[in-house]
Amino acid sequence: MYRLFISVNLPPDLLAALDDLQRDLKRQLGDGLLRWTRPEGIHLTLKFLGDTEPGRIAEITDALRLGIGAHPAFSVQVGGLGCFPNLRKPNVLWVDVADPDRKLQRLAAQVDRTTVGLGWPPEQRPFAGHLTLARVQKYARNEERQSLGERIAGLKICQDLGALPVAHIHLMRSQLDPKGSIYASLAEVELAGGR
């Protein structure tokens, strides 16, 4: 079985900006309560598929090409920090992906409809585009989480880290490793005008 998801992968300049941001945040927030995402592994997840037979990769790729191939390419702006579920009890520290025209939301919905047609369950939560920078350690106490959230809320960071072109989506494999997940692109699907 392969652990699969569908994502928008980031260009080198945006990955470099996120790497710089992580270094700055590590200096301000430390490593104690946070497990930092490896910069090269940061991506924008559109749909998590989970454990999947490798023999279904071609079927998924073909369905995505049919389902989203005509969707026009676009770009979104990246910047600003946030936490899931909120700053009072953070579990995940992320960078926002601005989607004022809901283009990214419509793309994620189309990906969801396409995979539902292949037998995956529909997404239950509303789509919230984000780039995960770190996860709070599971052992963190409530008071530590609240204090961390307050520190994050007080940070001053660049609100515009750059544009994320959304011209292709990728079918990705995630392999769990003690040092963090290792990702590999198994297939790429181009959006209309994505070259």
N, C-alpha and C. Protein backbone atom coordinates (compact mmCIF):
# COMPACT_ATOMS: atom_id res chain seq x y z
N MET A 1 0.84 -1.20 0.00
CA MET A 1 0.00 0.00 0.00
C MET A 1 0.88 1.25 0.00
N TYR A 2 0.43 2.25 -0.74
CA TYR A 2 1.08 3.56 -0.75
C TYR A 2 0.17 4.53 -0.01
N ARG A 3 0.79 5.43 0.75
CA ARG A 3 0.05 6.51 1.43
C ARG A 3 0.07 7.70 0.48
N LEU A 4 -1.09 8.06 -0.08
CA LEU A 4 -1.14 9.04 -1.15
C LEU A 4 -1.91 10.31 -0.76
N PHE A 5 -1.55 11.40 -1.42
CA PHE A 5 -2.31 12.64 -1.33
C PHE A 5 -2.12 13.41 -2.62
N ILE A 6 -2.95 14.41 -2.82
CA ILE A 6 -2.89 15.25 -4.02
C ILE A 6 -2.55 16.66 -3.57
N SER A 7 -1.55 17.27 -4.24
CA SER A 7 -1.07 18.57 -3.76
C SER A 7 -0.67 19.50 -4.89
N VAL A 8 -0.46 20.75 -4.50
CA VAL A 8 0.24 21.72 -5.32
C VAL A 8 1.63 21.82 -4.70
N ASN A 9 2.65 21.59 -5.52
CA ASN A 9 4.02 21.68 -5.01
C ASN A 9 4.56 23.08 -5.23
N LEU A 10 5.49 23.48 -4.38
CA LEU A 10 5.94 24.87 -4.34
C LEU A 10 7.19 25.08 -5.19
N PRO A 11 7.31 26.26 -5.81
CA PRO A 11 8.53 26.58 -6.57
C PRO A 11 9.69 26.86 -5.63
N PRO A 12 10.93 26.73 -6.14
CA PRO A 12 12.12 26.91 -5.29
C PRO A 12 12.18 28.24 -4.55
N ASP A 13 11.76 29.35 -5.20
CA ASP A 13 11.86 30.65 -4.53
C ASP A 13 10.93 30.74 -3.33
N LEU A 14 9.75 30.16 -3.43
CA LEU A 14 8.83 30.17 -2.30
C LEU A 14 9.31 29.23 -1.19
N LEU A 15 9.86 28.08 -1.57
CA LEU A 15 10.44 27.18 -0.56
C LEU A 15 11.58 27.87 0.19
N ALA A 16 12.39 28.64 -0.53
CA ALA A 16 13.49 29.37 0.11
C ALA A 16 12.96 30.42 1.08
N ALA A 17 11.89 31.13 0.70
CA ALA A 17 11.29 32.13 1.59
C ALA A 17 10.72 31.46 2.84
N LEU A 18 10.11 30.29 2.69
CA LEU A 18 9.57 29.57 3.85
C LEU A 18 10.69 29.03 4.73
N ASP A 19 11.79 28.63 4.13
CA ASP A 19 12.96 28.18 4.90
C ASP A 19 13.49 29.33 5.75
N ASP A 20 13.60 30.51 5.16
CA ASP A 20 14.05 31.70 5.91
C ASP A 20 13.08 32.00 7.06
N LEU A 21 11.78 31.92 6.77
CA LEU A 21 10.77 32.19 7.79
C LEU A 21 10.89 31.17 8.93
N GLN A 22 11.05 29.91 8.60
CA GLN A 22 11.19 28.89 9.65
C GLN A 22 12.41 29.17 10.53
N ARG A 23 13.52 29.54 9.91
CA ARG A 23 14.73 29.84 10.71
C ARG A 23 14.47 30.99 11.67
N ASP A 24 13.78 32.02 11.18
CA ASP A 24 13.44 33.17 12.01
C ASP A 24 12.51 32.75 13.16
N LEU A 25 11.50 31.95 12.83
CA LEU A 25 10.55 31.49 13.85
C LEU A 25 11.22 30.58 14.88
N LYS A 26 12.14 29.75 14.45
CA LYS A 26 12.85 28.87 15.39
C LYS A 26 13.63 29.70 16.41
N ARG A 27 14.22 30.81 15.94
CA ARG A 27 14.95 31.69 16.87
C ARG A 27 13.99 32.30 17.89
N GLN A 28 12.78 32.64 17.44
CA GLN A 28 11.83 33.31 18.33
C GLN A 28 11.00 32.35 19.18
N LEU A 29 10.71 31.17 18.64
CA LEU A 29 9.82 30.23 19.34
C LEU A 29 10.55 29.01 19.90
N GLY A 30 11.74 28.74 19.40
CA GLY A 30 12.51 27.58 19.88
C GLY A 30 12.03 26.27 19.28
N ASP A 31 12.70 25.21 19.69
CA ASP A 31 12.41 23.87 19.19
C ASP A 31 11.67 23.01 20.20
N GLY A 32 11.57 23.46 21.43
CA GLY A 32 11.05 22.61 22.49
C GLY A 32 9.67 22.04 22.26
N LEU A 33 8.72 22.88 21.89
CA LEU A 33 7.33 22.42 21.74
C LEU A 33 6.93 22.14 20.31
N LEU A 34 7.81 22.45 19.36
CA LEU A 34 7.44 22.35 17.95
C LEU A 34 8.30 21.33 17.21
N ARG A 35 7.65 20.55 16.35
CA ARG A 35 8.33 19.68 15.39
C ARG A 35 8.22 20.39 14.05
N TRP A 36 9.33 20.86 13.54
CA TRP A 36 9.33 21.68 12.33
C TRP A 36 9.27 20.79 11.08
N THR A 37 8.46 21.21 10.12
CA THR A 37 8.39 20.53 8.83
C THR A 37 9.68 20.80 8.07
N ARG A 38 10.22 19.77 7.42
CA ARG A 38 11.40 20.01 6.59
C ARG A 38 10.99 20.93 5.43
N PRO A 39 11.74 22.02 5.20
CA PRO A 39 11.33 23.00 4.19
C PRO A 39 11.06 22.37 2.82
N GLU A 40 11.88 21.43 2.41
CA GLU A 40 11.69 20.82 1.08
C GLU A 40 10.41 19.98 0.99
N GLY A 41 9.82 19.68 2.14
CA GLY A 41 8.60 18.88 2.17
C GLY A 41 7.32 19.69 2.27
N ILE A 42 7.44 21.02 2.32
CA ILE A 42 6.24 21.85 2.46
C ILE A 42 5.49 21.87 1.13
N HIS A 43 4.18 21.64 1.19
CA HIS A 43 3.33 21.58 0.00
C HIS A 43 1.92 22.01 0.41
N LEU A 44 1.09 22.22 -0.58
CA LEU A 44 -0.30 22.60 -0.35
C LEU A 44 -1.17 21.39 -0.66
N THR A 45 -1.69 20.76 0.37
CA THR A 45 -2.51 19.56 0.19
C THR A 45 -3.91 19.94 -0.28
N LEU A 46 -4.35 19.29 -1.35
CA LEU A 46 -5.70 19.47 -1.86
C LEU A 46 -6.62 18.35 -1.38
N LYS A 47 -6.07 17.12 -1.25
CA LYS A 47 -6.89 15.98 -0.83
C LYS A 47 -5.96 14.88 -0.34
N PHE A 48 -6.25 14.35 0.83
CA PHE A 48 -5.50 13.21 1.38
C PHE A 48 -6.27 11.95 1.02
N LEU A 49 -5.60 11.02 0.36
CA LEU A 49 -6.24 9.78 -0.05
C LEU A 49 -5.96 8.63 0.92
N GLY A 50 -4.81 8.66 1.57
CA GLY A 50 -4.47 7.59 2.51
C GLY A 50 -3.94 6.35 1.81
N ASP A 51 -4.03 5.21 2.51
CA ASP A 51 -3.48 3.96 1.99
C ASP A 51 -4.21 3.54 0.72
N THR A 52 -3.44 3.33 -0.34
CA THR A 52 -3.98 3.05 -1.66
C THR A 52 -3.13 1.98 -2.35
N GLU A 53 -3.78 1.08 -3.04
CA GLU A 53 -3.06 0.07 -3.83
C GLU A 53 -2.26 0.78 -4.93
N PRO A 54 -0.98 0.44 -5.09
CA PRO A 54 -0.17 1.07 -6.14
C PRO A 54 -0.77 0.90 -7.54
N GLY A 55 -1.50 -0.17 -7.76
CA GLY A 55 -2.12 -0.41 -9.06
C GLY A 55 -3.17 0.62 -9.45
N ARG A 56 -3.59 1.48 -8.51
CA ARG A 56 -4.63 2.48 -8.80
C ARG A 56 -4.04 3.83 -9.24
N ILE A 57 -2.72 3.94 -9.27
CA ILE A 57 -2.09 5.24 -9.59
C ILE A 57 -2.50 5.73 -10.97
N ALA A 58 -2.47 4.87 -11.99
CA ALA A 58 -2.84 5.28 -13.35
C ALA A 58 -4.31 5.69 -13.40
N GLU A 59 -5.17 4.96 -12.71
CA GLU A 59 -6.61 5.28 -12.67
C GLU A 59 -6.84 6.66 -12.05
N ILE A 60 -6.16 6.92 -10.95
CA ILE A 60 -6.30 8.23 -10.27
C ILE A 60 -5.80 9.34 -11.18
N THR A 61 -4.63 9.13 -11.78
CA THR A 61 -4.04 10.15 -12.65
C THR A 61 -4.94 10.45 -13.84
N ASP A 62 -5.45 9.40 -14.48
CA ASP A 62 -6.35 9.61 -15.63
C ASP A 62 -7.60 10.36 -15.21
N ALA A 63 -8.18 10.01 -14.06
CA ALA A 63 -9.39 10.70 -13.58
C ALA A 63 -9.09 12.17 -13.29
N LEU A 64 -7.94 12.47 -12.72
CA LEU A 64 -7.57 13.86 -12.44
C LEU A 64 -7.39 14.64 -13.74
N ARG A 65 -6.77 14.02 -14.73
CA ARG A 65 -6.60 14.70 -16.02
C ARG A 65 -7.95 15.06 -16.63
N LEU A 66 -8.90 14.13 -16.54
CA LEU A 66 -10.24 14.40 -17.06
C LEU A 66 -10.98 15.42 -16.19
N GLY A 67 -10.82 15.30 -14.87
CA GLY A 67 -11.58 16.12 -13.94
C GLY A 67 -11.10 17.54 -13.80
N ILE A 68 -9.78 17.76 -13.92
CA ILE A 68 -9.28 19.12 -13.68
C ILE A 68 -8.42 19.66 -14.82
N GLY A 69 -8.21 18.89 -15.86
CA GLY A 69 -7.36 19.33 -16.96
C GLY A 69 -7.81 20.61 -17.62
N ALA A 70 -9.11 20.87 -17.62
CA ALA A 70 -9.64 22.10 -18.22
C ALA A 70 -9.69 23.26 -17.24
N HIS A 71 -9.39 23.00 -15.98
CA HIS A 71 -9.40 24.06 -14.96
C HIS A 71 -8.26 25.04 -15.26
N PRO A 72 -8.55 26.35 -15.36
CA PRO A 72 -7.48 27.29 -15.71
C PRO A 72 -6.43 27.43 -14.60
N ALA A 73 -5.18 27.57 -15.04
CA ALA A 73 -4.08 27.85 -14.10
C ALA A 73 -4.29 29.23 -13.49
N PHE A 74 -3.74 29.44 -12.29
CA PHE A 74 -3.87 30.71 -11.59
C PHE A 74 -2.74 30.79 -10.57
N SER A 75 -2.71 31.84 -9.80
CA SER A 75 -1.74 31.94 -8.71
C SER A 75 -2.42 32.54 -7.48
N VAL A 76 -1.84 32.26 -6.32
CA VAL A 76 -2.34 32.78 -5.05
C VAL A 76 -1.16 33.36 -4.28
N GLN A 77 -1.45 34.27 -3.36
CA GLN A 77 -0.40 34.89 -2.53
C GLN A 77 -0.26 34.12 -1.22
N VAL A 78 0.97 34.07 -0.74
CA VAL A 78 1.29 33.34 0.48
C VAL A 78 1.85 34.31 1.51
N GLY A 79 1.37 34.22 2.76
CA GLY A 79 1.90 35.05 3.83
C GLY A 79 0.96 35.11 5.01
N GLY A 80 1.52 35.42 6.17
CA GLY A 80 0.73 35.49 7.39
C GLY A 80 0.67 34.16 8.11
N LEU A 81 0.75 34.19 9.43
CA LEU A 81 0.75 32.97 10.25
C LEU A 81 -0.62 32.69 10.83
N GLY A 82 -0.86 31.43 11.09
CA GLY A 82 -2.08 31.01 11.77
C GLY A 82 -1.86 29.66 12.43
N CYS A 83 -2.85 29.21 13.17
CA CYS A 83 -2.77 27.92 13.86
C CYS A 83 -4.09 27.18 13.74
N PHE A 84 -3.99 25.87 13.68
CA PHE A 84 -5.16 25.01 13.81
C PHE A 84 -5.11 24.38 15.19
N PRO A 85 -6.21 24.25 15.92
CA PRO A 85 -7.53 24.77 15.56
C PRO A 85 -7.63 26.28 15.79
N ASN A 86 -6.79 26.83 16.69
CA ASN A 86 -6.80 28.28 16.93
C ASN A 86 -5.57 28.63 17.75
N LEU A 87 -5.39 29.93 18.03
CA LEU A 87 -4.22 30.39 18.78
C LEU A 87 -4.31 30.09 20.27
N ARG A 88 -5.51 29.78 20.78
CA ARG A 88 -5.64 29.46 22.20
C ARG A 88 -5.13 28.05 22.51
N LYS A 89 -5.22 27.17 21.52
CA LYS A 89 -4.77 25.79 21.73
C LYS A 89 -4.17 25.26 20.42
N PRO A 90 -3.02 25.80 20.02
CA PRO A 90 -2.47 25.44 18.71
C PRO A 90 -1.98 23.98 18.65
N ASN A 91 -2.28 23.34 17.53
CA ASN A 91 -1.73 22.02 17.21
C ASN A 91 -0.82 22.09 16.00
N VAL A 92 -1.15 23.00 15.07
CA VAL A 92 -0.41 23.14 13.82
C VAL A 92 -0.15 24.62 13.58
N LEU A 93 1.10 24.95 13.23
CA LEU A 93 1.48 26.31 12.86
C LEU A 93 1.61 26.35 11.34
N TRP A 94 0.92 27.30 10.71
CA TRP A 94 0.91 27.33 9.25
C TRP A 94 1.03 28.74 8.71
N VAL A 95 1.34 28.79 7.41
CA VAL A 95 1.34 30.04 6.65
C VAL A 95 0.09 30.04 5.78
N ASP A 96 -0.58 31.17 5.72
CA ASP A 96 -1.83 31.30 5.00
C ASP A 96 -1.60 31.35 3.49
N VAL A 97 -2.57 30.83 2.77
CA VAL A 97 -2.63 30.94 1.31
C VAL A 97 -3.89 31.73 0.99
N ALA A 98 -3.71 32.97 0.55
CA ALA A 98 -4.85 33.86 0.30
C ALA A 98 -5.60 33.40 -0.95
N ASP A 99 -6.90 33.30 -0.84
CA ASP A 99 -7.73 32.80 -1.93
C ASP A 99 -9.00 33.66 -2.06
N PRO A 100 -8.82 34.98 -2.28
CA PRO A 100 -10.00 35.86 -2.26
C PRO A 100 -11.01 35.55 -3.36
N ASP A 101 -10.55 35.02 -4.49
CA ASP A 101 -11.46 34.70 -5.60
C ASP A 101 -11.95 33.26 -5.55
N ARG A 102 -11.53 32.53 -4.51
CA ARG A 102 -11.95 31.13 -4.28
C ARG A 102 -11.55 30.18 -5.41
N LYS A 103 -10.51 30.56 -6.15
CA LYS A 103 -10.04 29.68 -7.23
C LYS A 103 -9.46 28.39 -6.67
N LEU A 104 -8.69 28.52 -5.60
CA LEU A 104 -8.08 27.35 -4.98
C LEU A 104 -9.17 26.47 -4.36
N GLN A 105 -10.14 27.09 -3.75
CA GLN A 105 -11.24 26.34 -3.15
C GLN A 105 -12.02 25.56 -4.22
N ARG A 106 -12.23 26.19 -5.37
CA ARG A 106 -12.94 25.50 -6.47
C ARG A 106 -12.11 24.34 -7.01
N LEU A 107 -10.79 24.53 -7.11
CA LEU A 107 -9.92 23.44 -7.57
C LEU A 107 -9.96 22.27 -6.58
N ALA A 108 -9.86 22.57 -5.29
CA ALA A 108 -9.91 21.51 -4.28
C ALA A 108 -11.25 20.78 -4.33
N ALA A 109 -12.34 21.51 -4.56
CA ALA A 109 -13.66 20.88 -4.65
C ALA A 109 -13.74 19.96 -5.86
N GLN A 110 -13.13 20.38 -6.97
CA GLN A 110 -13.13 19.53 -8.17
C GLN A 110 -12.28 18.27 -7.95
N VAL A 111 -11.15 18.42 -7.29
CA VAL A 111 -10.32 17.26 -6.95
C VAL A 111 -11.12 16.31 -6.06
N ASP A 112 -11.83 16.87 -5.10
CA ASP A 112 -12.64 16.06 -4.19
C ASP A 112 -13.72 15.30 -4.97
N ARG A 113 -14.43 16.00 -5.85
CA ARG A 113 -15.48 15.33 -6.64
C ARG A 113 -14.90 14.22 -7.51
N THR A 114 -13.71 14.48 -8.07
CA THR A 114 -13.06 13.47 -8.92
C THR A 114 -12.71 12.22 -8.12
N THR A 115 -12.17 12.40 -6.92
CA THR A 115 -11.77 11.23 -6.13
C THR A 115 -12.98 10.53 -5.52
N VAL A 116 -14.04 11.28 -5.24
CA VAL A 116 -15.28 10.64 -4.77
C VAL A 116 -15.80 9.70 -5.86
N GLY A 117 -15.67 10.11 -7.12
CA GLY A 117 -16.07 9.27 -8.23
C GLY A 117 -15.28 7.98 -8.33
N LEU A 118 -14.11 7.95 -7.68
CA LEU A 118 -13.27 6.74 -7.66
C LEU A 118 -13.46 5.92 -6.38
N GLY A 119 -14.35 6.40 -5.51
CA GLY A 119 -14.65 5.62 -4.31
C GLY A 119 -14.13 6.19 -3.00
N TRP A 120 -13.43 7.33 -3.04
CA TRP A 120 -12.97 7.94 -1.78
C TRP A 120 -14.12 8.73 -1.15
N PRO A 121 -14.16 8.81 0.16
CA PRO A 121 -15.23 9.59 0.79
C PRO A 121 -15.04 11.08 0.55
N PRO A 122 -16.13 11.83 0.49
CA PRO A 122 -16.00 13.28 0.32
C PRO A 122 -15.40 13.93 1.57
N GLU A 123 -14.75 15.06 1.36
CA GLU A 123 -14.20 15.83 2.47
C GLU A 123 -15.34 16.30 3.37
N GLN A 124 -15.14 16.18 4.67
CA GLN A 124 -16.15 16.62 5.63
C GLN A 124 -15.90 18.05 6.12
N ARG A 125 -14.62 18.46 6.08
CA ARG A 125 -14.27 19.80 6.55
C ARG A 125 -14.15 20.76 5.38
N PRO A 126 -14.49 22.03 5.59
CA PRO A 126 -14.28 23.00 4.52
C PRO A 126 -12.79 23.11 4.19
N PHE A 127 -12.48 23.34 2.94
CA PHE A 127 -11.09 23.47 2.52
C PHE A 127 -10.49 24.75 3.08
N ALA A 128 -9.30 24.65 3.65
CA ALA A 128 -8.56 25.81 4.17
C ALA A 128 -7.12 25.70 3.69
N GLY A 129 -6.82 26.39 2.60
CA GLY A 129 -5.48 26.33 2.03
C GLY A 129 -4.44 26.87 3.01
N HIS A 130 -3.39 26.07 3.24
CA HIS A 130 -2.34 26.47 4.17
C HIS A 130 -1.08 25.67 3.88
N LEU A 131 0.04 26.16 4.39
CA LEU A 131 1.34 25.49 4.28
C LEU A 131 1.83 25.23 5.69
N THR A 132 1.93 23.97 6.07
CA THR A 132 2.30 23.61 7.44
C THR A 132 3.78 23.86 7.69
N LEU A 133 4.07 24.68 8.71
CA LEU A 133 5.46 24.96 9.11
C LEU A 133 5.91 24.05 10.25
N ALA A 134 5.00 23.76 11.19
CA ALA A 134 5.38 22.97 12.37
C ALA A 134 4.13 22.40 13.02
N ARG A 135 4.36 21.35 13.80
CA ARG A 135 3.29 20.75 14.61
C ARG A 135 3.72 20.82 16.07
N VAL A 136 2.75 21.09 16.92
CA VAL A 136 3.03 21.15 18.36
C VAL A 136 3.17 19.71 18.86
N GLN A 137 4.19 19.50 19.70
CA GLN A 137 4.43 18.15 20.25
C GLN A 137 3.20 17.68 21.01
N LYS A 138 2.91 16.39 20.87
CA LYS A 138 1.72 15.82 21.51
C LYS A 138 1.75 15.95 23.03
N TYR A 139 2.96 15.95 23.60
CA TYR A 139 3.06 16.01 25.06
C TYR A 139 2.87 17.42 25.63
N ALA A 140 2.73 18.42 24.78
CA ALA A 140 2.59 19.80 25.26
C ALA A 140 1.33 19.95 26.11
N ARG A 141 1.48 20.55 27.29
CA ARG A 141 0.34 20.78 28.17
C ARG A 141 -0.48 21.97 27.67
N ASN A 142 -1.72 22.06 28.13
CA ASN A 142 -2.62 23.14 27.70
C ASN A 142 -2.04 24.52 27.96
N GLU A 143 -1.41 24.69 29.14
CA GLU A 143 -0.83 26.01 29.45
C GLU A 143 0.31 26.34 28.49
N GLU A 144 1.10 25.32 28.12
CA GLU A 144 2.21 25.55 27.19
C GLU A 144 1.67 25.91 25.80
N ARG A 145 0.59 25.25 25.39
CA ARG A 145 -0.01 25.56 24.11
C ARG A 145 -0.56 26.99 24.09
N GLN A 146 -1.22 27.36 25.17
CA GLN A 146 -1.79 28.71 25.24
C GLN A 146 -0.68 29.76 25.21
N SER A 147 0.39 29.53 25.94
CA SER A 147 1.52 30.45 25.95
C SER A 147 2.16 30.55 24.55
N LEU A 148 2.31 29.40 23.90
CA LEU A 148 2.87 29.40 22.55
C LEU A 148 1.97 30.19 21.60
N GLY A 149 0.66 29.99 21.68
CA GLY A 149 -0.28 30.72 20.84
C GLY A 149 -0.18 32.22 21.05
N GLU A 150 0.00 32.64 22.30
CA GLU A 150 0.14 34.07 22.59
C GLU A 150 1.42 34.62 21.97
N ARG A 151 2.50 33.84 22.04
CA ARG A 151 3.76 34.27 21.43
C ARG A 151 3.64 34.37 19.92
N ILE A 152 2.95 33.39 19.31
CA ILE A 152 2.75 33.42 17.86
C ILE A 152 1.93 34.64 17.46
N ALA A 153 0.87 34.94 18.23
CA ALA A 153 0.01 36.08 17.94
C ALA A 153 0.79 37.39 17.98
N GLY A 154 1.83 37.46 18.80
CA GLY A 154 2.60 38.69 18.95
C GLY A 154 3.72 38.85 17.94
N LEU A 155 3.95 37.85 17.09
CA LEU A 155 5.05 37.92 16.13
C LEU A 155 4.73 38.88 15.00
N LYS A 156 5.74 39.57 14.55
CA LYS A 156 5.63 40.41 13.37
C LYS A 156 6.41 39.73 12.26
N ILE A 157 5.70 39.25 11.23
CA ILE A 157 6.39 38.62 10.12
C ILE A 157 5.92 39.24 8.82
N CYS A 158 6.66 38.98 7.77
CA CYS A 158 6.31 39.46 6.45
C CYS A 158 4.96 38.87 6.05
N GLN A 159 4.03 39.73 5.69
CA GLN A 159 2.69 39.26 5.33
C GLN A 159 2.60 38.84 3.87
N ASP A 160 3.67 39.03 3.09
CA ASP A 160 3.66 38.62 1.69
C ASP A 160 4.97 37.90 1.39
N LEU A 161 4.90 36.59 1.36
CA LEU A 161 6.10 35.79 1.08
C LEU A 161 6.26 35.51 -0.40
N GLY A 162 5.26 35.82 -1.20
CA GLY A 162 5.37 35.61 -2.64
C GLY A 162 4.16 34.91 -3.20
N ALA A 163 4.22 34.70 -4.51
CA ALA A 163 3.12 34.06 -5.22
C ALA A 163 3.37 32.57 -5.35
N LEU A 164 2.29 31.81 -5.26
CA LEU A 164 2.33 30.37 -5.52
C LEU A 164 1.57 30.12 -6.82
N PRO A 165 2.31 29.79 -7.90
CA PRO A 165 1.60 29.46 -9.13
C PRO A 165 0.92 28.11 -9.01
N VAL A 166 -0.32 28.04 -9.42
CA VAL A 166 -1.06 26.79 -9.40
C VAL A 166 -1.31 26.41 -10.86
N ALA A 167 -0.31 25.75 -11.44
CA ALA A 167 -0.35 25.37 -12.85
C ALA A 167 -0.37 23.85 -13.02
N HIS A 168 0.00 23.14 -11.96
CA HIS A 168 0.04 21.68 -11.98
C HIS A 168 -0.40 21.18 -10.61
N ILE A 169 -0.96 19.99 -10.58
CA ILE A 169 -1.15 19.31 -9.30
C ILE A 169 -0.39 17.99 -9.38
N HIS A 170 -0.07 17.46 -8.22
CA HIS A 170 0.74 16.24 -8.15
C HIS A 170 0.03 15.18 -7.32
N LEU A 171 0.13 13.94 -7.78
CA LEU A 171 -0.25 12.79 -6.98
C LEU A 171 1.01 12.39 -6.24
N MET A 172 0.98 12.49 -4.91
CA MET A 172 2.17 12.33 -4.09
C MET A 172 2.11 11.08 -3.23
N ARG A 173 3.28 10.49 -2.99
CA ARG A 173 3.41 9.40 -2.04
C ARG A 173 4.13 9.93 -0.81
N SER A 174 3.62 9.58 0.35
CA SER A 174 4.23 9.95 1.62
C SER A 174 4.72 8.68 2.31
N GLN A 175 6.00 8.65 2.63
CA GLN A 175 6.57 7.53 3.38
C GLN A 175 6.98 8.05 4.76
N LEU A 176 6.46 7.41 5.78
CA LEU A 176 6.75 7.83 7.14
C LEU A 176 8.18 7.43 7.50
N ASP A 177 8.88 8.35 8.17
CA ASP A 177 10.27 8.15 8.56
C ASP A 177 10.45 8.80 9.92
N PRO A 178 11.30 8.25 10.78
CA PRO A 178 11.50 8.86 12.10
C PRO A 178 11.90 10.34 12.04
N LYS A 179 12.58 10.76 10.96
CA LYS A 179 13.01 12.15 10.84
C LYS A 179 11.97 13.03 10.16
N GLY A 180 10.83 12.45 9.80
CA GLY A 180 9.78 13.20 9.11
C GLY A 180 9.41 12.51 7.81
N SER A 181 8.25 12.82 7.30
CA SER A 181 7.77 12.17 6.09
C SER A 181 8.66 12.48 4.90
N ILE A 182 8.78 11.50 4.01
CA ILE A 182 9.51 11.65 2.76
C ILE A 182 8.48 11.61 1.64
N TYR A 183 8.53 12.61 0.76
CA TYR A 183 7.52 12.74 -0.28
C TYR A 183 8.12 12.50 -1.66
N ALA A 184 7.32 11.87 -2.54
CA ALA A 184 7.73 11.65 -3.93
C ALA A 184 6.52 11.88 -4.82
N SER A 185 6.73 12.62 -5.91
CA SER A 185 5.67 12.84 -6.88
C SER A 185 5.58 11.64 -7.79
N LEU A 186 4.38 11.04 -7.87
CA LEU A 186 4.15 9.86 -8.71
C LEU A 186 3.57 10.26 -10.06
N ALA A 187 2.87 11.38 -10.12
CA ALA A 187 2.27 11.86 -11.37
C ALA A 187 1.99 13.35 -11.25
N GLU A 188 2.03 14.02 -12.39
CA GLU A 188 1.75 15.45 -12.46
C GLU A 188 0.64 15.67 -13.47
N VAL A 189 -0.32 16.52 -13.11
CA VAL A 189 -1.42 16.85 -13.99
C VAL A 189 -1.39 18.35 -14.22
N GLU A 190 -1.36 18.75 -15.47
CA GLU A 190 -1.27 20.17 -15.83
C GLU A 190 -2.66 20.78 -15.94
N LEU A 191 -2.81 21.97 -15.40
CA LEU A 191 -4.05 22.73 -15.58
C LEU A 191 -4.01 23.45 -16.92
N ALA A 192 -5.15 23.91 -17.37
CA ALA A 192 -5.23 24.59 -18.66
C ALA A 192 -4.36 25.85 -18.65
N GLY A 193 -3.49 25.99 -19.63
CA GLY A 193 -2.59 27.13 -19.69
C GLY A 193 -1.47 27.07 -18.67
N GLY A 194 -1.18 25.88 -18.15
CA GLY A 194 -0.21 25.75 -17.07
C GLY A 194 1.25 25.75 -17.45
N ARG A 195 1.57 25.85 -18.70
CA ARG A 195 2.99 25.80 -19.08
C ARG A 195 3.72 27.07 -18.72
